[in-house]
């Protein structure tokens, strides 16, 4: 029986995994794929019941642990090996999969919200939110608000203001002051954001930016290295660190990326572990994965001269943002809260609702999501 894995339907999520599986003979591993949004809508326990390996995002960890459908890494990898992997992974890429004292996925892919712009339309990247707001008065600046991204952008702006949503105080999602400031920034930009990309996910926005001239900059969007050196006549995008609330302050961003979880149904063999170790290793992360449309998680790859030369310095120009990225809440029902909170923020921005009411509704949704 072959091993079966499930990943997301994009070259970044599929090509390297499929090519790596085809290139080795010790195990038979078949990768299926589904739309990225499918992971948000589909219970992780059902996916783990059907697949041996599941590519997941860190907010799914709480749901997976509650459903008892993943094997902790500690059952197969030694403490020294896990510690080395954490030290070698950029930012909180591995730490984001740790809860209840154990790790639940290997950090395959690293990403976070960064700034994307058309360098022919905006030659210099704004460094602060004040500069972004000034730019938005003379150039088309878009907010990523579709799906969960209004909530993710809110958390990123709050992080730039020094507030870590759901982390500073486990009982309170965000302080009223930081939350109101973040909504102020989002409301000002939403009022001027081009309607043509309002319903698009990050892939859709980046594709639009690369082909049309009516969006010059998106200050917070998940980085996709594929758009830094596009093909088929599309225009290249420049990626840089997320905006800061003040010059010299941290770039505010919310961690994305994906990890490989080992389901409870998986019969783990030494040959499978050897393959997973190779995917996490230096040679694959600095060579094989970037050359097969992937986005590595190993810090050395993000600073590698050859990797950056091939991909327009995408990695070097956004590494500081990834190192400082905010880790989202990961409790059971965190995904449901993220979905509800995103709809609350999006509606509030479109209807221009008072910030106090929006923050109260967010806190109520967060509190309900954490109840037993």
Protein backbone atom coordinates (compact mmCIF):
# COMPACT_ATOMS: atom_id res chain seq x y z
CA UNK A 1 0.00 0.00 0.00
CA UNK A 2 1.40 3.42 -0.91
CA UNK A 3 1.48 6.27 1.53
CA UNK A 4 -1.00 9.01 0.67
CA UNK A 5 -0.49 12.70 1.40
CA UNK A 6 -2.73 15.74 1.00
CA UNK A 7 -1.42 19.19 0.21
CA UNK A 8 -2.82 22.39 -1.32
CA UNK A 9 -3.46 23.03 -4.97
CA UNK A 10 -0.75 25.52 -5.95
CA UNK A 11 2.72 24.99 -7.44
CA UNK A 12 4.23 26.14 -4.16
CA UNK A 13 2.28 23.55 -2.20
CA UNK A 14 2.46 20.60 -4.60
CA UNK A 15 5.32 20.58 -7.10
CA UNK A 16 8.27 20.01 -4.76
CA UNK A 17 6.47 17.34 -2.74
CA UNK A 18 5.36 15.43 -5.83
CA UNK A 19 8.78 15.67 -7.47
CA UNK A 20 10.56 14.56 -4.30
CA UNK A 21 8.25 11.57 -3.92
CA UNK A 22 8.80 10.54 -7.54
CA UNK A 23 12.59 10.87 -7.24
CA UNK A 24 13.08 8.28 -4.50
CA UNK A 25 12.48 4.54 -4.60
CA UNK A 26 12.41 3.49 -0.94
CA UNK A 27 8.71 4.24 -0.44
CA UNK A 28 5.67 4.83 -2.61
CA UNK A 29 4.12 8.19 -1.76
CA UNK A 30 1.23 9.76 -3.67
CA UNK A 31 0.30 13.41 -3.05
CA UNK A 32 -3.27 14.59 -3.64
CA UNK A 33 -4.22 18.26 -3.55
CA UNK A 34 -7.22 20.39 -2.75
CA UNK A 35 -7.86 24.16 -2.80
CA UNK A 36 -6.24 26.05 0.07
CA UNK A 37 -9.69 27.12 1.30
CA UNK A 38 -10.60 23.45 1.61
CA UNK A 39 -8.36 23.12 4.66
CA UNK A 40 -10.31 25.93 6.35
CA UNK A 41 -13.65 24.27 5.67
CA UNK A 42 -12.82 20.58 6.09
CA UNK A 43 -12.38 19.04 9.57
CA UNK A 44 -8.77 18.02 10.11
CA UNK A 45 -9.87 14.74 11.71
CA UNK A 46 -11.58 13.63 8.51
CA UNK A 47 -8.51 14.47 6.42
CA UNK A 48 -6.29 12.53 8.81
CA UNK A 49 -8.61 9.53 8.61
CA UNK A 50 -8.02 9.40 4.84
CA UNK A 51 -4.37 10.45 4.54
CA UNK A 52 -1.07 9.43 6.11
CA UNK A 53 0.53 12.87 5.71
CA UNK A 54 -1.45 16.12 5.83
CA UNK A 55 -0.07 19.56 5.02
CA UNK A 56 -1.66 21.98 7.51
CA UNK A 57 -1.43 25.51 8.86
CA UNK A 58 -0.59 26.10 12.53
CA UNK A 59 -4.07 27.29 13.67
CA UNK A 60 -5.31 23.75 12.92
CA UNK A 61 -3.07 22.29 15.63
CA UNK A 62 -5.53 22.77 18.49
CA UNK A 63 -8.34 21.14 16.53
CA UNK A 64 -6.07 18.25 15.54
CA UNK A 65 -4.90 17.65 19.12
CA UNK A 66 -8.47 17.78 20.43
CA UNK A 67 -9.47 15.21 17.81
CA UNK A 68 -6.40 13.06 18.60
CA UNK A 69 -5.68 12.56 14.89
CA UNK A 70 -1.96 13.43 14.63
CA UNK A 71 1.17 11.73 15.92
CA UNK A 72 3.52 14.08 17.83
CA UNK A 73 6.94 14.48 16.31
CA UNK A 74 8.46 13.41 19.61
CA UNK A 75 7.35 9.84 18.91
CA UNK A 76 9.68 9.66 15.90
CA UNK A 77 12.35 12.35 16.27
CA UNK A 78 14.78 12.79 19.14
CA UNK A 79 14.83 15.86 21.38
CA UNK A 80 18.21 16.96 19.98
CA UNK A 81 16.91 16.59 16.43
CA UNK A 82 13.83 18.68 17.16
CA UNK A 83 15.90 21.34 18.92
CA UNK A 84 18.22 21.53 15.92
CA UNK A 85 15.27 21.81 13.56
CA UNK A 86 13.83 24.68 15.61
CA UNK A 87 17.16 26.50 15.58
CA UNK A 88 17.49 26.07 11.82
CA UNK A 89 13.91 27.06 10.92
CA UNK A 90 13.25 30.73 10.21
CA UNK A 91 11.17 32.65 12.74
CA UNK A 92 8.55 30.63 14.65
CA UNK A 93 8.08 28.16 11.78
CA UNK A 94 8.49 25.09 14.00
CA UNK A 95 7.42 26.67 17.29
CA UNK A 96 4.02 27.47 15.78
CA UNK A 97 3.25 23.73 15.67
CA UNK A 98 4.01 23.22 19.36
CA UNK A 99 1.19 22.93 21.87
CA UNK A 100 0.65 20.92 25.05
CA UNK A 101 4.39 20.35 25.27
CA UNK A 102 4.81 18.59 21.92
CA UNK A 103 5.23 19.40 18.23
CA UNK A 104 2.62 18.27 15.71
CA UNK A 105 4.04 19.10 12.25
CA UNK A 106 7.34 19.51 10.43
CA UNK A 107 7.85 23.04 9.06
CA UNK A 108 7.84 22.45 5.31
CA UNK A 109 7.05 25.93 4.01
CA UNK A 110 7.59 29.37 5.56
CA UNK A 111 5.49 32.44 4.78
CA UNK A 112 4.06 35.50 6.43
CA UNK A 113 2.27 38.68 5.45
CA UNK A 114 4.68 41.06 3.73
CA UNK A 115 4.42 44.06 1.41
CA UNK A 116 4.00 43.57 -2.34
CA UNK A 117 4.29 46.33 -4.90
CA UNK A 118 4.75 47.01 -8.56
CA UNK A 119 8.21 48.62 -8.61
CA UNK A 120 7.44 50.40 -11.89
CA UNK A 121 4.49 52.13 -10.17
CA UNK A 122 5.94 52.48 -6.65
CA UNK A 123 9.76 52.62 -6.91
CA UNK A 124 10.40 52.76 -3.15
CA UNK A 125 8.58 50.69 -0.55
CA UNK A 126 6.98 52.68 2.28
CA UNK A 127 8.43 51.68 5.64
CA UNK A 128 5.67 52.71 8.07
CA UNK A 129 1.90 52.73 8.21
CA UNK A 130 1.92 56.53 8.08
CA UNK A 131 3.83 56.30 4.79
CA UNK A 132 1.38 53.71 3.44
CA UNK A 133 -1.55 55.98 4.28
CA UNK A 134 0.10 58.93 2.55
CA UNK A 135 0.81 56.79 -0.53
CA UNK A 136 -2.80 55.56 -0.66
CA UNK A 137 -3.96 59.13 -1.37
CA UNK A 138 -2.08 59.25 -4.67
CA UNK A 139 -1.74 55.60 -5.76
CA UNK A 140 -4.07 52.56 -5.68
CA UNK A 141 -3.28 50.65 -2.47
CA UNK A 142 -5.24 47.47 -1.80
CA UNK A 143 -6.10 45.68 1.41
CA UNK A 144 -6.34 41.89 1.47
CA UNK A 145 -9.75 41.37 3.09
CA UNK A 146 -11.35 38.28 1.52
CA UNK A 147 -11.82 35.06 3.46
CA UNK A 148 -9.77 35.05 6.68
CA UNK A 149 -7.46 37.83 5.53
CA UNK A 150 -9.28 40.78 7.13
CA UNK A 151 -8.64 39.08 10.48
CA UNK A 152 -5.03 38.28 9.59
CA UNK A 153 -4.32 41.84 8.48
CA UNK A 154 -5.88 43.14 11.70
CA UNK A 155 -3.58 40.93 13.77
CA UNK A 156 -0.56 42.03 11.74
CA UNK A 157 -1.24 45.73 12.26
CA UNK A 158 -1.85 45.12 15.97
CA UNK A 159 1.49 43.31 16.15
CA UNK A 160 3.25 46.32 14.65
CA UNK A 161 1.66 48.36 17.44
CA UNK A 162 3.12 45.97 20.04
CA UNK A 163 -0.04 43.92 20.69
CA UNK A 164 0.01 40.15 20.09
CA UNK A 165 -3.61 39.10 19.61
CA UNK A 166 -4.53 36.16 21.81
CA UNK A 167 -0.98 35.89 23.22
CA UNK A 168 -0.48 38.88 25.52
CA UNK A 169 -3.49 37.83 27.61
CA UNK A 170 -5.08 34.41 26.90
CA UNK A 171 -8.46 35.74 28.05
CA UNK A 172 -8.44 38.90 25.94
CA UNK A 173 -7.99 38.88 22.19
CA UNK A 174 -6.57 42.41 21.88
CA UNK A 175 -6.39 45.60 23.93
CA UNK A 176 -8.92 48.28 23.11
CA UNK A 177 -6.26 50.86 22.32
CA UNK A 178 -4.25 48.74 19.87
CA UNK A 179 -7.41 47.29 18.37
CA UNK A 180 -8.91 50.71 17.71
CA UNK A 181 -5.66 51.97 16.18
CA UNK A 182 -5.48 48.94 13.89
CA UNK A 183 -9.08 49.45 12.78
CA UNK A 184 -8.37 53.15 12.16
CA UNK A 185 -5.62 52.20 9.71
CA UNK A 186 -7.72 49.50 8.05
CA UNK A 187 -10.76 51.78 7.72
CA UNK A 188 -8.72 54.53 6.04
CA UNK A 189 -7.24 52.07 3.55
CA UNK A 190 -10.46 50.12 2.96
CA UNK A 191 -12.23 53.32 1.93
CA UNK A 192 -9.71 53.75 -0.90
CA UNK A 193 -8.89 50.10 -1.70
CA UNK A 194 -9.72 49.19 -5.34
CA UNK A 195 -13.01 47.29 -5.45
CA UNK A 196 -11.72 45.07 -8.26
CA UNK A 197 -9.65 42.95 -5.84
CA UNK A 198 -11.97 43.08 -2.84
CA UNK A 199 -13.17 39.47 -3.21
CA UNK A 200 -9.79 37.98 -4.18
CA UNK A 201 -7.51 35.84 -2.03
CA UNK A 202 -3.75 36.64 -1.94
CA UNK A 203 -3.01 34.54 -5.03
CA UNK A 204 -5.74 36.38 -6.91
CA UNK A 205 -4.52 39.80 -5.79
CA UNK A 206 -0.91 39.07 -6.70
CA UNK A 207 -1.95 37.72 -10.08
CA UNK A 208 -4.01 40.84 -10.70
CA UNK A 209 -1.16 43.12 -9.69
CA UNK A 210 1.17 41.30 -12.07
CA UNK A 211 -1.17 41.74 -15.04
CA UNK A 212 -3.05 45.01 -14.45
CA UNK A 213 -2.03 48.55 -13.53
CA UNK A 214 -4.89 49.44 -11.16
CA UNK A 215 -3.27 48.10 -7.96
CA UNK A 216 0.18 49.49 -7.19
CA UNK A 217 0.77 48.15 -3.68
CA UNK A 218 -0.66 45.78 -1.09
CA UNK A 219 0.87 46.48 2.34
CA UNK A 220 -0.03 43.11 3.88
CA UNK A 221 -0.30 39.98 1.78
CA UNK A 222 1.10 36.48 2.09
CA UNK A 223 4.32 36.34 0.12
CA UNK A 224 4.48 34.02 -2.88
CA UNK A 225 7.98 33.82 -4.32
CA UNK A 226 6.56 32.75 -7.70
CA UNK A 227 5.43 36.33 -8.40
CA UNK A 228 8.88 37.83 -7.84
CA UNK A 229 10.11 36.36 -11.13
CA UNK A 230 6.94 35.76 -13.16
CA UNK A 231 6.54 34.09 -16.54
CA UNK A 232 4.15 34.46 -19.48
CA UNK A 233 4.66 38.20 -19.83
CA UNK A 234 3.44 39.12 -16.34
CA UNK A 235 5.17 42.00 -14.60
CA UNK A 236 7.42 41.20 -11.63
CA UNK A 237 6.39 42.19 -8.14
CA UNK A 238 8.78 43.43 -5.49
CA UNK A 239 8.35 42.09 -1.96
CA UNK A 240 9.62 43.82 1.17
CA UNK A 241 9.13 43.86 4.93
CA UNK A 242 5.67 44.56 6.32
CA UNK A 243 5.02 48.12 7.54
CA UNK A 244 6.07 49.26 10.98
CA UNK A 245 3.97 51.39 13.29
CA UNK A 246 7.04 53.58 13.83
CA UNK A 247 10.40 53.75 12.14
CA UNK A 248 12.76 51.42 13.99
CA UNK A 249 9.86 49.35 15.35
CA UNK A 250 9.11 45.75 14.42
CA UNK A 251 7.39 44.88 11.15
CA UNK A 252 3.92 43.64 12.01
CA UNK A 253 2.93 40.36 10.40
CA UNK A 254 0.91 37.20 11.00
CA UNK A 255 2.63 33.89 10.33
CA UNK A 256 1.40 31.62 7.54
CA UNK A 257 3.32 28.76 5.96
CA UNK A 258 2.55 25.07 6.24
CA UNK A 259 3.78 21.96 8.02
CA UNK A 260 3.58 18.24 7.37
CA UNK A 261 1.55 16.41 9.98
CA UNK A 262 1.72 12.62 10.42
CA UNK A 263 -1.75 11.19 10.93
CA UNK A 264 -2.63 8.55 13.48
CA UNK A 265 -3.45 6.11 10.67
CA UNK A 266 0.10 6.32 9.27
CA UNK A 267 2.38 3.30 9.71
CA UNK A 268 5.65 5.17 10.15
CA UNK A 269 8.67 3.31 8.79
CA UNK A 270 12.37 4.23 8.85
CA UNK A 271 12.14 4.83 5.10
CA UNK A 272 9.32 7.38 5.51
CA UNK A 273 11.22 9.17 8.28
CA UNK A 274 14.32 9.27 6.07
CA UNK A 275 12.28 10.96 3.34
CA UNK A 276 10.84 13.51 5.76
CA UNK A 277 14.30 14.23 7.17
CA UNK A 278 15.58 14.81 3.65
CA UNK A 279 12.77 17.30 2.93
CA UNK A 280 13.76 19.25 6.06
CA UNK A 281 17.50 19.01 5.35
CA UNK A 282 19.88 21.63 4.02
CA UNK A 283 20.27 20.20 0.51
CA UNK A 284 16.54 20.00 -0.17
CA UNK A 285 15.71 23.30 1.49
CA UNK A 286 18.39 25.29 -0.31
CA UNK A 287 18.27 23.46 -3.63
CA UNK A 288 15.50 21.02 -4.46
CA UNK A 289 12.52 22.85 -2.93
CA UNK A 290 13.27 26.34 -4.32
CA UNK A 291 14.00 24.86 -7.74
CA UNK A 292 10.60 23.11 -7.71
CA UNK A 293 8.46 26.19 -6.93
CA UNK A 294 8.53 25.66 -3.16
CA UNK A 295 9.16 28.20 -0.42
CA UNK A 296 11.60 26.70 2.13
CA UNK A 297 11.44 26.99 5.90
CA UNK A 298 15.15 26.75 6.64
CA UNK A 299 16.77 30.06 7.62
CA UNK A 300 19.90 29.30 5.60
CA UNK A 301 17.81 29.11 2.42
CA UNK A 302 16.32 32.56 3.05
CA UNK A 303 19.83 34.04 3.16
CA UNK A 304 21.38 31.88 0.43
CA UNK A 305 23.04 33.94 -2.31
CA UNK A 306 22.05 31.63 -5.16
CA UNK A 307 18.45 31.28 -3.98
CA UNK A 308 18.08 35.06 -3.70
CA UNK A 309 19.74 35.69 -7.05
CA UNK A 310 17.26 33.30 -8.69
CA UNK A 311 14.21 34.80 -6.99
CA UNK A 312 14.80 38.56 -7.09
CA UNK A 313 15.91 38.81 -3.44
CA UNK A 314 12.40 37.84 -2.30
CA UNK A 315 13.80 35.92 0.66
CA UNK A 316 16.41 38.36 1.90
CA UNK A 317 14.04 41.33 1.54
CA UNK A 318 11.33 39.77 3.73
CA UNK A 319 13.32 37.63 6.20
CA UNK A 320 13.16 40.20 9.02
CA UNK A 321 9.36 40.17 8.86
CA UNK A 322 9.25 36.39 9.07
CA UNK A 323 11.62 36.33 12.05
CA UNK A 324 9.26 38.64 13.96
CA UNK A 325 5.96 37.11 12.78
CA UNK A 326 3.02 36.77 15.15
CA UNK A 327 1.70 33.26 15.84
CA UNK A 328 -2.08 33.10 15.71
CA UNK A 329 -4.27 31.48 18.38
CA UNK A 330 -4.17 27.69 18.05
CA UNK A 331 -6.81 26.49 20.49
CA UNK A 332 -9.54 24.08 19.43
CA UNK A 333 -12.10 26.09 17.38
CA UNK A 334 -9.47 28.73 16.53
CA UNK A 335 -10.27 28.31 12.84
CA UNK A 336 -13.98 28.88 13.48
CA UNK A 337 -13.14 32.01 15.49
CA UNK A 338 -10.85 33.24 12.70
CA UNK A 339 -13.68 32.83 10.18
CA UNK A 340 -16.22 34.60 12.38
CA UNK A 341 -13.80 37.39 13.31
CA UNK A 342 -12.85 38.00 9.67
CA UNK A 343 -16.51 38.42 8.73
CA UNK A 344 -17.03 40.81 11.65
CA UNK A 345 -14.09 43.01 10.64
CA UNK A 346 -14.91 42.96 6.94
CA UNK A 347 -18.55 43.94 7.56
CA UNK A 348 -17.52 46.63 10.04
CA UNK A 349 -15.14 48.20 7.52
CA UNK A 350 -17.63 48.14 4.67
CA UNK A 351 -20.47 49.49 6.84
CA UNK A 352 -18.19 51.88 8.75
CA UNK A 353 -19.35 50.59 12.12
CA UNK A 354 -17.95 52.04 15.37
CA UNK A 355 -14.68 50.45 16.41
CA UNK A 356 -15.83 49.86 19.98
CA UNK A 357 -18.73 47.69 18.82
CA UNK A 358 -16.47 45.72 16.49
CA UNK A 359 -13.90 45.08 19.21
CA UNK A 360 -16.61 43.99 21.64
CA UNK A 361 -18.00 41.55 19.08
CA UNK A 362 -14.51 40.18 18.43
CA UNK A 363 -13.90 39.66 22.13
CA UNK A 364 -17.24 37.91 22.53
CA UNK A 365 -16.48 35.57 19.61
CA UNK A 366 -13.01 34.87 21.01
CA UNK A 367 -14.40 34.12 24.48
CA UNK A 368 -17.04 31.75 23.07
CA UNK A 369 -14.44 29.91 20.98
CA UNK A 370 -12.40 29.14 24.07
CA UNK A 371 -15.22 27.68 26.14
CA UNK A 372 -15.10 23.92 26.83
